[in-house]
Amino acid sequence: MLKIKVSKLFLLATILMALGLQACIPVVLVAGVAASGMIVYDNRSSQAIISDRTITYKAQSNLDSDTELRSKAHTIATSFNESVLITGQAPTQELRDLALSLVQKVPNIKHIYNEVTVEEPLNANARSHDMWITTKVKAALLAQKGLHSTQIKIVTENGTVYLLGLVTNGQGQLAAEVTKRVSSVQKVVKAFEYLE
């Protein structure tokens, strides 16, 4: 039933684009249709999705607001179901701890995973390679029967793939197994919340 609903929404979006309707309304409608397709398979409530976007924005703003952290480290905040994953590199333990303290100031966070490593920040080539790994993992999860890639948030940092999401125990295990088989993945860290 959900697949039928999503198919109808995408069909509607395609028809609207084919008609060449011009103005803001079709663009907004198409964007809404695409977003609703993602929400259909997301186990979070719409409130949690909005909360995650707010938390991510505030946490990243806090990280970026510190001049020393911004200039010497590379830190990224990602929120899923009000749990925050901080990834990246900091050249000292003090800067790693600072990243954690800045994110802790954001309200409505249930849990923080501080996965910032103490080392020099990765170069642009390494970050590009991480993006490529994330793309390959997303494709592998999308192709795997029994998983919906929109249920799982994937973050890759220096070859380590972090999996966040609201899944069953079986889905979490399957996602981790599929991810481990993707080339260039060095390590898989499960940061799931389980429905069971």
N, C-alpha and C. Protein backbone atom coordinates (compact mmCIF):
# COMPACT_ATOMS: atom_id res chain seq x y z
N MET A 1 0.82 -1.20 0.00
CA MET A 1 0.00 0.00 0.00
C MET A 1 0.86 1.26 0.00
N LEU A 2 1.94 1.25 0.81
CA LEU A 2 2.81 2.42 0.86
C LEU A 2 3.50 2.64 -0.48
N LYS A 3 3.90 1.54 -1.15
CA LYS A 3 4.56 1.68 -2.44
C LYS A 3 3.61 2.28 -3.46
N ILE A 4 2.34 1.89 -3.40
CA ILE A 4 1.35 2.43 -4.32
C ILE A 4 1.19 3.93 -4.09
N LYS A 5 1.10 4.33 -2.82
CA LYS A 5 0.94 5.74 -2.49
C LYS A 5 2.13 6.56 -2.99
N VAL A 6 3.34 6.05 -2.76
CA VAL A 6 4.54 6.76 -3.21
C VAL A 6 4.55 6.83 -4.74
N SER A 7 4.22 5.72 -5.41
CA SER A 7 4.20 5.71 -6.87
C SER A 7 3.23 6.74 -7.43
N LYS A 8 2.06 6.84 -6.82
CA LYS A 8 1.07 7.82 -7.28
C LYS A 8 1.59 9.24 -7.10
N LEU A 9 2.26 9.49 -5.98
CA LEU A 9 2.79 10.83 -5.74
C LEU A 9 3.87 11.19 -6.76
N PHE A 10 4.75 10.25 -7.05
CA PHE A 10 5.79 10.53 -8.03
C PHE A 10 5.20 10.65 -9.44
N LEU A 11 4.17 9.89 -9.74
CA LEU A 11 3.50 10.01 -11.03
C LEU A 11 2.91 11.41 -11.17
N LEU A 12 2.26 11.88 -10.10
CA LEU A 12 1.69 13.23 -10.11
C LEU A 12 2.79 14.27 -10.34
N ALA A 13 3.91 14.12 -9.66
CA ALA A 13 5.01 15.06 -9.82
C ALA A 13 5.54 15.05 -11.25
N THR A 14 5.65 13.87 -11.83
CA THR A 14 6.12 13.74 -13.21
C THR A 14 5.17 14.41 -14.19
N ILE A 15 3.88 14.20 -14.00
CA ILE A 15 2.88 14.82 -14.87
C ILE A 15 2.96 16.34 -14.79
N LEU A 16 3.08 16.85 -13.57
CA LEU A 16 3.17 18.31 -13.40
C LEU A 16 4.41 18.87 -14.09
N MET A 17 5.52 18.17 -13.97
CA MET A 17 6.73 18.65 -14.63
C MET A 17 6.58 18.56 -16.15
N ALA A 18 5.95 17.50 -16.64
CA ALA A 18 5.78 17.33 -18.08
C ALA A 18 4.88 18.41 -18.67
N LEU A 19 3.93 18.87 -17.91
CA LEU A 19 3.04 19.92 -18.39
C LEU A 19 3.75 21.26 -18.49
N GLY A 20 4.91 21.34 -17.90
CA GLY A 20 5.69 22.57 -18.00
C GLY A 20 5.06 23.72 -17.23
N LEU A 21 4.38 23.40 -16.15
CA LEU A 21 3.77 24.47 -15.35
C LEU A 21 4.88 25.36 -14.81
N GLN A 22 4.68 26.65 -14.94
CA GLN A 22 5.68 27.58 -14.46
C GLN A 22 5.09 28.38 -13.32
N ALA A 23 5.86 28.56 -12.33
CA ALA A 23 5.55 29.33 -11.13
C ALA A 23 6.14 28.57 -9.96
N CYS A 24 5.99 29.13 -8.82
CA CYS A 24 6.57 28.52 -7.63
C CYS A 24 5.76 27.32 -7.14
N ILE A 25 4.47 27.33 -7.34
CA ILE A 25 3.62 26.29 -6.78
C ILE A 25 4.03 24.89 -7.24
N PRO A 26 4.24 24.64 -8.53
CA PRO A 26 4.65 23.29 -8.92
C PRO A 26 5.98 22.88 -8.31
N VAL A 27 6.92 23.80 -8.20
CA VAL A 27 8.21 23.48 -7.61
C VAL A 27 8.02 23.06 -6.16
N VAL A 28 7.22 23.81 -5.43
CA VAL A 28 6.95 23.49 -4.04
C VAL A 28 6.23 22.15 -3.95
N LEU A 29 5.27 21.92 -4.84
CA LEU A 29 4.52 20.67 -4.83
C LEU A 29 5.44 19.49 -5.12
N VAL A 30 6.30 19.61 -6.11
CA VAL A 30 7.22 18.53 -6.45
C VAL A 30 8.17 18.26 -5.28
N ALA A 31 8.68 19.31 -4.67
CA ALA A 31 9.56 19.14 -3.52
C ALA A 31 8.81 18.45 -2.39
N GLY A 32 7.57 18.84 -2.18
CA GLY A 32 6.76 18.22 -1.14
C GLY A 32 6.48 16.76 -1.43
N VAL A 33 6.23 16.44 -2.69
CA VAL A 33 5.99 15.06 -3.09
C VAL A 33 7.24 14.22 -2.83
N ALA A 34 8.39 14.74 -3.21
CA ALA A 34 9.63 14.00 -2.99
C ALA A 34 9.88 13.79 -1.51
N ALA A 35 9.67 14.83 -0.72
CA ALA A 35 9.87 14.72 0.73
C ALA A 35 8.88 13.73 1.34
N SER A 36 7.64 13.74 0.87
CA SER A 36 6.66 12.82 1.44
C SER A 36 7.02 11.38 1.12
N GLY A 37 7.63 11.15 -0.02
CA GLY A 37 8.10 9.81 -0.34
C GLY A 37 9.14 9.34 0.64
N MET A 38 10.00 10.26 1.09
CA MET A 38 11.01 9.91 2.07
C MET A 38 10.37 9.67 3.43
N ILE A 39 9.39 10.46 3.79
CA ILE A 39 8.76 10.35 5.10
C ILE A 39 7.96 9.06 5.22
N VAL A 40 7.42 8.54 4.11
CA VAL A 40 6.62 7.33 4.16
C VAL A 40 7.38 6.20 4.83
N TYR A 41 8.69 6.08 4.55
CA TYR A 41 9.48 4.99 5.10
C TYR A 41 10.26 5.37 6.35
N ASP A 42 10.14 6.57 6.82
CA ASP A 42 10.87 7.03 8.00
C ASP A 42 10.06 6.66 9.24
N ASN A 43 10.70 5.97 10.18
CA ASN A 43 10.01 5.54 11.39
C ASN A 43 9.86 6.65 12.42
N ARG A 44 10.48 7.80 12.17
CA ARG A 44 10.35 8.92 13.11
C ARG A 44 9.05 9.66 12.85
N SER A 45 8.57 10.31 13.90
CA SER A 45 7.40 11.17 13.73
C SER A 45 7.83 12.43 12.98
N SER A 46 6.87 13.13 12.40
CA SER A 46 7.21 14.38 11.70
C SER A 46 7.81 15.38 12.69
N GLN A 47 7.35 15.35 13.93
CA GLN A 47 7.90 16.22 14.97
C GLN A 47 9.38 15.91 15.20
N ALA A 48 9.72 14.61 15.24
CA ALA A 48 11.12 14.21 15.45
C ALA A 48 11.99 14.62 14.27
N ILE A 49 11.45 14.53 13.06
CA ILE A 49 12.20 14.93 11.87
C ILE A 49 12.52 16.42 11.93
N ILE A 50 11.53 17.22 12.29
CA ILE A 50 11.74 18.67 12.42
C ILE A 50 12.72 18.96 13.55
N SER A 51 12.57 18.26 14.67
CA SER A 51 13.47 18.44 15.80
C SER A 51 14.91 18.11 15.41
N ASP A 52 15.10 17.03 14.64
CA ASP A 52 16.44 16.66 14.21
C ASP A 52 17.08 17.73 13.34
N ARG A 53 16.30 18.31 12.46
CA ARG A 53 16.84 19.38 11.61
C ARG A 53 17.25 20.58 12.45
N THR A 54 16.44 20.91 13.44
CA THR A 54 16.75 22.03 14.34
C THR A 54 17.99 21.72 15.17
N ILE A 55 18.05 20.52 15.73
CA ILE A 55 19.20 20.12 16.54
C ILE A 55 20.48 20.15 15.71
N THR A 56 20.43 19.58 14.51
CA THR A 56 21.61 19.56 13.64
C THR A 56 22.08 20.98 13.34
N TYR A 57 21.14 21.85 13.01
CA TYR A 57 21.48 23.24 12.69
C TYR A 57 22.14 23.93 13.89
N LYS A 58 21.52 23.79 15.07
CA LYS A 58 22.06 24.46 16.26
C LYS A 58 23.41 23.88 16.67
N ALA A 59 23.53 22.56 16.62
CA ALA A 59 24.79 21.92 17.01
C ALA A 59 25.92 22.33 16.07
N GLN A 60 25.65 22.32 14.76
CA GLN A 60 26.68 22.70 13.80
C GLN A 60 27.01 24.19 13.92
N SER A 61 26.01 25.00 14.18
CA SER A 61 26.26 26.44 14.39
C SER A 61 27.15 26.66 15.60
N ASN A 62 26.91 25.91 16.68
CA ASN A 62 27.75 26.03 17.87
C ASN A 62 29.19 25.62 17.55
N LEU A 63 29.36 24.52 16.81
CA LEU A 63 30.70 24.07 16.45
C LEU A 63 31.41 25.11 15.58
N ASP A 64 30.68 25.66 14.63
CA ASP A 64 31.27 26.64 13.70
C ASP A 64 31.51 28.00 14.34
N SER A 65 30.85 28.27 15.46
CA SER A 65 30.98 29.59 16.09
C SER A 65 32.30 29.75 16.84
N ASP A 66 32.95 28.66 17.19
CA ASP A 66 34.22 28.75 17.90
C ASP A 66 35.35 28.88 16.88
N THR A 67 36.05 30.01 16.93
CA THR A 67 37.08 30.32 15.94
C THR A 67 38.20 29.29 15.95
N GLU A 68 38.69 28.92 17.12
CA GLU A 68 39.81 27.97 17.19
C GLU A 68 39.40 26.59 16.66
N LEU A 69 38.23 26.13 17.08
CA LEU A 69 37.75 24.83 16.62
C LEU A 69 37.56 24.84 15.10
N ARG A 70 36.97 25.91 14.61
CA ARG A 70 36.70 26.02 13.17
C ARG A 70 38.00 26.05 12.36
N SER A 71 39.04 26.71 12.88
CA SER A 71 40.28 26.86 12.11
C SER A 71 41.22 25.66 12.23
N LYS A 72 41.16 24.93 13.34
CA LYS A 72 42.13 23.85 13.57
C LYS A 72 41.55 22.45 13.44
N ALA A 73 40.23 22.33 13.49
CA ALA A 73 39.60 21.01 13.50
C ALA A 73 38.58 20.90 12.38
N HIS A 74 38.08 19.71 12.20
CA HIS A 74 36.98 19.46 11.26
C HIS A 74 35.93 18.67 12.04
N THR A 75 34.78 19.30 12.31
CA THR A 75 33.75 18.63 13.09
C THR A 75 32.39 18.78 12.41
N ILE A 76 31.63 17.70 12.43
CA ILE A 76 30.31 17.66 11.83
C ILE A 76 29.33 17.07 12.84
N ALA A 77 28.18 17.71 12.99
CA ALA A 77 27.12 17.21 13.87
C ALA A 77 25.98 16.67 13.01
N THR A 78 25.49 15.49 13.38
CA THR A 78 24.37 14.86 12.69
C THR A 78 23.39 14.37 13.73
N SER A 79 22.11 14.72 13.57
CA SER A 79 21.09 14.29 14.53
C SER A 79 20.12 13.32 13.87
N PHE A 80 19.76 12.27 14.61
CA PHE A 80 18.72 11.34 14.17
C PHE A 80 17.95 10.91 15.40
N ASN A 81 16.67 11.20 15.41
CA ASN A 81 15.77 10.90 16.52
C ASN A 81 16.30 11.49 17.83
N GLU A 82 16.81 12.70 17.74
CA GLU A 82 17.28 13.49 18.87
C GLU A 82 18.54 12.94 19.54
N SER A 83 19.25 12.04 18.85
CA SER A 83 20.58 11.61 19.25
C SER A 83 21.55 12.26 18.27
N VAL A 84 22.67 12.75 18.79
CA VAL A 84 23.61 13.48 17.94
C VAL A 84 24.93 12.72 17.85
N LEU A 85 25.40 12.60 16.62
CA LEU A 85 26.71 12.02 16.34
C LEU A 85 27.63 13.16 15.94
N ILE A 86 28.76 13.29 16.64
CA ILE A 86 29.77 14.28 16.27
C ILE A 86 30.94 13.50 15.67
N THR A 87 31.29 13.83 14.43
CA THR A 87 32.42 13.16 13.78
C THR A 87 33.43 14.20 13.32
N GLY A 88 34.60 13.72 12.97
CA GLY A 88 35.63 14.60 12.46
C GLY A 88 36.95 14.37 13.18
N GLN A 89 37.81 15.36 13.07
CA GLN A 89 39.14 15.27 13.67
C GLN A 89 39.46 16.59 14.37
N ALA A 90 40.16 16.44 15.50
CA ALA A 90 40.67 17.60 16.23
C ALA A 90 42.11 17.29 16.61
N PRO A 91 43.02 18.24 16.48
CA PRO A 91 44.43 17.95 16.74
C PRO A 91 44.77 17.73 18.22
N THR A 92 43.87 18.12 19.13
CA THR A 92 44.13 17.93 20.57
C THR A 92 42.87 17.40 21.27
N GLN A 93 43.11 16.77 22.42
CA GLN A 93 41.99 16.29 23.23
C GLN A 93 41.14 17.47 23.72
N GLU A 94 41.77 18.60 23.98
CA GLU A 94 41.04 19.78 24.44
C GLU A 94 40.02 20.25 23.40
N LEU A 95 40.42 20.26 22.14
CA LEU A 95 39.49 20.67 21.08
C LEU A 95 38.39 19.62 20.89
N ARG A 96 38.72 18.35 21.06
CA ARG A 96 37.70 17.29 20.99
C ARG A 96 36.67 17.51 22.09
N ASP A 97 37.16 17.78 23.30
CA ASP A 97 36.26 18.02 24.43
C ASP A 97 35.44 19.30 24.23
N LEU A 98 36.05 20.31 23.62
CA LEU A 98 35.34 21.55 23.33
C LEU A 98 34.17 21.28 22.39
N ALA A 99 34.40 20.47 21.38
CA ALA A 99 33.32 20.12 20.43
C ALA A 99 32.15 19.50 21.19
N LEU A 100 32.44 18.59 22.09
CA LEU A 100 31.38 17.96 22.88
C LEU A 100 30.64 18.98 23.73
N SER A 101 31.38 19.85 24.40
CA SER A 101 30.73 20.84 25.28
C SER A 101 29.85 21.81 24.49
N LEU A 102 30.26 22.16 23.29
CA LEU A 102 29.45 23.07 22.46
C LEU A 102 28.15 22.40 22.03
N VAL A 103 28.20 21.13 21.71
CA VAL A 103 26.99 20.41 21.30
C VAL A 103 26.08 20.17 22.50
N GLN A 104 26.66 19.96 23.67
CA GLN A 104 25.86 19.74 24.88
C GLN A 104 24.98 20.94 25.23
N LYS A 105 25.30 22.11 24.72
CA LYS A 105 24.50 23.31 24.99
C LYS A 105 23.17 23.32 24.24
N VAL A 106 23.03 22.46 23.25
CA VAL A 106 21.81 22.42 22.44
C VAL A 106 20.72 21.67 23.21
N PRO A 107 19.53 22.26 23.33
CA PRO A 107 18.46 21.59 24.08
C PRO A 107 17.84 20.42 23.29
N ASN A 108 17.17 19.55 24.02
CA ASN A 108 16.37 18.44 23.48
C ASN A 108 17.19 17.31 22.86
N ILE A 109 18.44 17.17 23.26
CA ILE A 109 19.25 16.05 22.78
C ILE A 109 19.16 14.93 23.81
N LYS A 110 18.83 13.72 23.33
CA LYS A 110 18.73 12.56 24.22
C LYS A 110 20.09 11.93 24.50
N HIS A 111 20.94 11.88 23.48
CA HIS A 111 22.24 11.22 23.63
C HIS A 111 23.23 11.83 22.63
N ILE A 112 24.50 11.91 23.03
CA ILE A 112 25.54 12.41 22.14
C ILE A 112 26.62 11.33 22.00
N TYR A 113 26.95 11.01 20.75
CA TYR A 113 28.06 10.11 20.45
C TYR A 113 29.20 11.00 19.96
N ASN A 114 30.25 11.14 20.77
CA ASN A 114 31.39 11.96 20.35
C ASN A 114 32.43 11.05 19.71
N GLU A 115 32.45 11.02 18.39
CA GLU A 115 33.36 10.17 17.63
C GLU A 115 34.46 10.99 16.96
N VAL A 116 34.70 12.19 17.47
CA VAL A 116 35.80 13.01 16.95
C VAL A 116 37.11 12.35 17.36
N THR A 117 37.99 12.13 16.40
CA THR A 117 39.28 11.51 16.70
C THR A 117 40.34 12.60 16.90
N VAL A 118 41.34 12.29 17.73
CA VAL A 118 42.41 13.24 17.99
C VAL A 118 43.50 13.00 16.94
N GLU A 119 43.47 13.82 15.91
CA GLU A 119 44.43 13.78 14.81
C GLU A 119 44.22 15.03 13.96
N GLU A 120 45.12 15.25 13.04
CA GLU A 120 44.97 16.38 12.13
C GLU A 120 43.76 16.14 11.22
N PRO A 121 43.06 17.21 10.84
CA PRO A 121 41.90 17.05 9.96
C PRO A 121 42.26 16.40 8.62
N LEU A 122 41.33 15.64 8.09
CA LEU A 122 41.53 14.98 6.80
C LEU A 122 41.62 16.01 5.68
N ASN A 123 42.35 15.67 4.64
CA ASN A 123 42.44 16.56 3.49
C ASN A 123 41.21 16.37 2.59
N ALA A 124 41.10 17.20 1.58
CA ALA A 124 39.93 17.19 0.70
C ALA A 124 39.78 15.86 -0.04
N ASN A 125 40.89 15.24 -0.41
CA ASN A 125 40.81 13.95 -1.11
C ASN A 125 40.20 12.88 -0.21
N ALA A 126 40.62 12.84 1.04
CA ALA A 126 40.08 11.85 1.97
C ALA A 126 38.59 12.09 2.22
N ARG A 127 38.20 13.34 2.33
CA ARG A 127 36.78 13.66 2.53
C ARG A 127 35.96 13.27 1.30
N SER A 128 36.50 13.49 0.12
CA SER A 128 35.81 13.08 -1.11
C SER A 128 35.66 11.57 -1.16
N HIS A 129 36.70 10.87 -0.74
CA HIS A 129 36.63 9.41 -0.72
C HIS A 129 35.54 8.94 0.26
N ASP A 130 35.43 9.62 1.40
CA ASP A 130 34.37 9.29 2.36
C ASP A 130 32.99 9.50 1.76
N MET A 131 32.82 10.57 1.00
CA MET A 131 31.53 10.81 0.34
C MET A 131 31.22 9.70 -0.65
N TRP A 132 32.25 9.22 -1.35
CA TRP A 132 32.07 8.14 -2.30
C TRP A 132 31.66 6.85 -1.56
N ILE A 133 32.28 6.59 -0.43
CA ILE A 133 31.91 5.41 0.37
C ILE A 133 30.45 5.53 0.80
N THR A 134 30.04 6.70 1.28
CA THR A 134 28.65 6.91 1.69
C THR A 134 27.70 6.63 0.53
N THR A 135 28.04 7.10 -0.65
CA THR A 135 27.20 6.86 -1.83
C THR A 135 27.08 5.37 -2.12
N LYS A 136 28.20 4.64 -2.03
CA LYS A 136 28.17 3.20 -2.29
C LYS A 136 27.35 2.47 -1.23
N VAL A 137 27.46 2.88 0.03
CA VAL A 137 26.69 2.25 1.10
C VAL A 137 25.20 2.51 0.89
N LYS A 138 24.84 3.75 0.55
CA LYS A 138 23.43 4.06 0.29
C LYS A 138 22.88 3.19 -0.83
N ALA A 139 23.66 3.03 -1.90
CA ALA A 139 23.22 2.20 -3.02
C ALA A 139 23.06 0.75 -2.60
N ALA A 140 23.99 0.25 -1.80
CA ALA A 140 23.91 -1.14 -1.34
C ALA A 140 22.69 -1.35 -0.45
N LEU A 141 22.41 -0.40 0.44
CA LEU A 141 21.24 -0.52 1.32
C LEU A 141 19.95 -0.39 0.52
N LEU A 142 19.95 0.48 -0.48
CA LEU A 142 18.78 0.64 -1.32
C LEU A 142 18.46 -0.64 -2.08
N ALA A 143 19.50 -1.35 -2.51
CA ALA A 143 19.31 -2.58 -3.27
C ALA A 143 18.95 -3.78 -2.39
N GLN A 144 19.15 -3.65 -1.08
CA GLN A 144 18.91 -4.77 -0.17
C GLN A 144 17.43 -4.89 0.18
N LYS A 145 16.87 -6.04 -0.12
CA LYS A 145 15.47 -6.31 0.21
C LYS A 145 15.31 -6.30 1.74
N GLY A 146 14.23 -5.69 2.20
CA GLY A 146 13.96 -5.63 3.64
C GLY A 146 14.47 -4.37 4.32
N LEU A 147 15.16 -3.53 3.56
CA LEU A 147 15.65 -2.27 4.12
C LEU A 147 15.15 -1.11 3.27
N HIS A 148 14.86 -0.01 3.92
CA HIS A 148 14.52 1.22 3.22
C HIS A 148 15.61 2.21 3.59
N SER A 149 16.34 2.68 2.60
CA SER A 149 17.51 3.51 2.88
C SER A 149 17.16 4.80 3.61
N THR A 150 15.90 5.26 3.52
CA THR A 150 15.54 6.48 4.23
C THR A 150 15.38 6.24 5.73
N GLN A 151 15.37 4.98 6.16
CA GLN A 151 15.30 4.68 7.59
C GLN A 151 16.66 4.84 8.26
N ILE A 152 17.70 4.90 7.46
CA ILE A 152 19.06 4.87 8.00
C ILE A 152 19.84 6.08 7.51
N LYS A 153 20.45 6.77 8.46
CA LYS A 153 21.33 7.90 8.16
C LYS A 153 22.75 7.36 8.14
N ILE A 154 23.48 7.68 7.09
CA ILE A 154 24.84 7.16 6.91
C ILE A 154 25.82 8.31 6.96
N VAL A 155 26.82 8.19 7.82
CA VAL A 155 27.88 9.19 7.93
C VAL A 155 29.21 8.43 7.82
N THR A 156 30.08 8.88 6.94
CA THR A 156 31.39 8.23 6.79
C THR A 156 32.48 9.23 7.13
N GLU A 157 33.41 8.78 7.95
CA GLU A 157 34.53 9.62 8.35
C GLU A 157 35.78 8.76 8.40
N ASN A 158 36.72 9.05 7.50
CA ASN A 158 38.00 8.35 7.43
C ASN A 158 37.83 6.83 7.27
N GLY A 159 36.86 6.43 6.45
CA GLY A 159 36.62 5.02 6.17
C GLY A 159 35.73 4.31 7.17
N THR A 160 35.41 4.97 8.28
CA THR A 160 34.49 4.41 9.26
C THR A 160 33.09 4.87 8.92
N VAL A 161 32.16 3.91 8.82
CA VAL A 161 30.79 4.23 8.47
C VAL A 161 29.93 4.13 9.72
N TYR A 162 29.25 5.22 10.04
CA TYR A 162 28.33 5.28 11.18
C TYR A 162 26.92 5.14 10.65
N LEU A 163 26.16 4.25 11.25
CA LEU A 163 24.77 4.01 10.85
C LEU A 163 23.86 4.45 11.98
N LEU A 164 22.98 5.40 11.70
CA LEU A 164 22.00 5.88 12.67
C LEU A 164 20.62 5.58 12.12
N GLY A 165 19.68 5.34 13.00
CA GLY A 165 18.32 5.13 12.53
C GLY A 165 17.45 4.51 13.59
N LEU A 166 16.19 4.45 13.28
CA LEU A 166 15.18 3.85 14.14
C LEU A 166 14.73 2.59 13.41
N VAL A 167 15.30 1.45 13.80
CA VAL A 167 15.11 0.20 13.06
C VAL A 167 14.84 -0.96 14.02
N THR A 168 14.42 -2.08 13.45
CA THR A 168 14.32 -3.30 14.25
C THR A 168 15.73 -3.86 14.42
N ASN A 169 15.89 -4.78 15.35
CA ASN A 169 17.19 -5.40 15.57
C ASN A 169 17.67 -6.10 14.29
N GLY A 170 16.76 -6.81 13.64
CA GLY A 170 17.10 -7.50 12.40
C GLY A 170 17.52 -6.56 11.29
N GLN A 171 16.82 -5.44 11.15
CA GLN A 171 17.18 -4.45 10.14
C GLN A 171 18.56 -3.85 10.43
N GLY A 172 18.84 -3.60 11.70
CA GLY A 172 20.13 -3.05 12.09
C GLY A 172 21.27 -4.00 11.77
N GLN A 173 21.06 -5.28 12.09
CA GLN A 173 22.09 -6.28 11.79
C GLN A 173 22.31 -6.40 10.28
N LEU A 174 21.21 -6.45 9.53
CA LEU A 174 21.29 -6.57 8.08
C LEU A 174 22.00 -5.35 7.48
N ALA A 175 21.66 -4.17 7.94
CA ALA A 175 22.30 -2.95 7.44
C ALA A 175 23.80 -2.97 7.70
N ALA A 176 24.20 -3.41 8.89
CA ALA A 176 25.62 -3.48 9.23
C ALA A 176 26.34 -4.50 8.36
N GLU A 177 25.71 -5.66 8.13
CA GLU A 177 26.33 -6.69 7.29
C GLU A 177 26.50 -6.21 5.85
N VAL A 178 25.46 -5.57 5.31
CA VAL A 178 25.54 -5.05 3.94
C VAL A 178 26.63 -3.99 3.85
N THR A 179 26.71 -3.12 4.84
CA THR A 179 27.70 -2.04 4.85
C THR A 179 29.12 -2.60 4.91
N LYS A 180 29.34 -3.63 5.72
CA LYS A 180 30.69 -4.23 5.84
C LYS A 180 31.20 -4.77 4.51
N ARG A 181 30.29 -5.18 3.63
CA ARG A 181 30.69 -5.77 2.34
C ARG A 181 31.04 -4.71 1.29
N VAL A 182 30.78 -3.45 1.57
CA VAL A 182 31.07 -2.38 0.60
C VAL A 182 32.58 -2.11 0.61
N SER A 183 33.15 -2.02 -0.58
CA SER A 183 34.60 -1.79 -0.68
C SER A 183 34.99 -0.45 -0.04
N SER A 184 36.17 -0.43 0.55
CA SER A 184 36.77 0.73 1.20
C SER A 184 36.22 1.01 2.60
N VAL A 185 35.20 0.28 3.05
CA VAL A 185 34.70 0.47 4.41
C VAL A 185 35.69 -0.19 5.37
N GLN A 186 36.24 0.60 6.28
CA GLN A 186 37.22 0.10 7.25
C GLN A 186 36.56 -0.46 8.50
N LYS A 187 35.47 0.19 8.90
CA LYS A 187 34.81 -0.16 10.16
C LYS A 187 33.37 0.30 10.08
N VAL A 188 32.47 -0.41 10.77
CA VAL A 188 31.06 -0.03 10.82
C VAL A 188 30.69 0.18 12.29
N VAL A 189 30.10 1.33 12.59
CA VAL A 189 29.64 1.64 13.95
C VAL A 189 28.13 1.80 13.91
N LYS A 190 27.44 0.97 14.67
CA LYS A 190 25.98 1.05 14.74
C LYS A 190 25.59 1.99 15.88
N ALA A 191 24.85 3.02 15.56
CA ALA A 191 24.33 3.96 16.56
C ALA A 191 22.81 3.99 16.42
N PHE A 192 22.23 2.81 16.29
CA PHE A 192 20.79 2.68 16.07
C PHE A 192 20.00 2.81 17.36
N GLU A 193 18.74 3.20 17.20
CA GLU A 193 17.73 3.02 18.23
C GLU A 193 16.86 1.89 17.71
N TYR A 194 16.53 0.95 18.58
CA TYR A 194 15.80 -0.23 18.14
C TYR A 194 14.33 -0.15 18.51
N LEU A 195 13.50 -0.57 17.56
CA LEU A 195 12.05 -0.55 17.75
C LEU A 195 11.58 -1.68 18.64
N GLU A 196 12.31 -2.79 18.67
CA GLU A 196 11.89 -3.96 19.44
C GLU A 196 12.19 -3.80 20.91
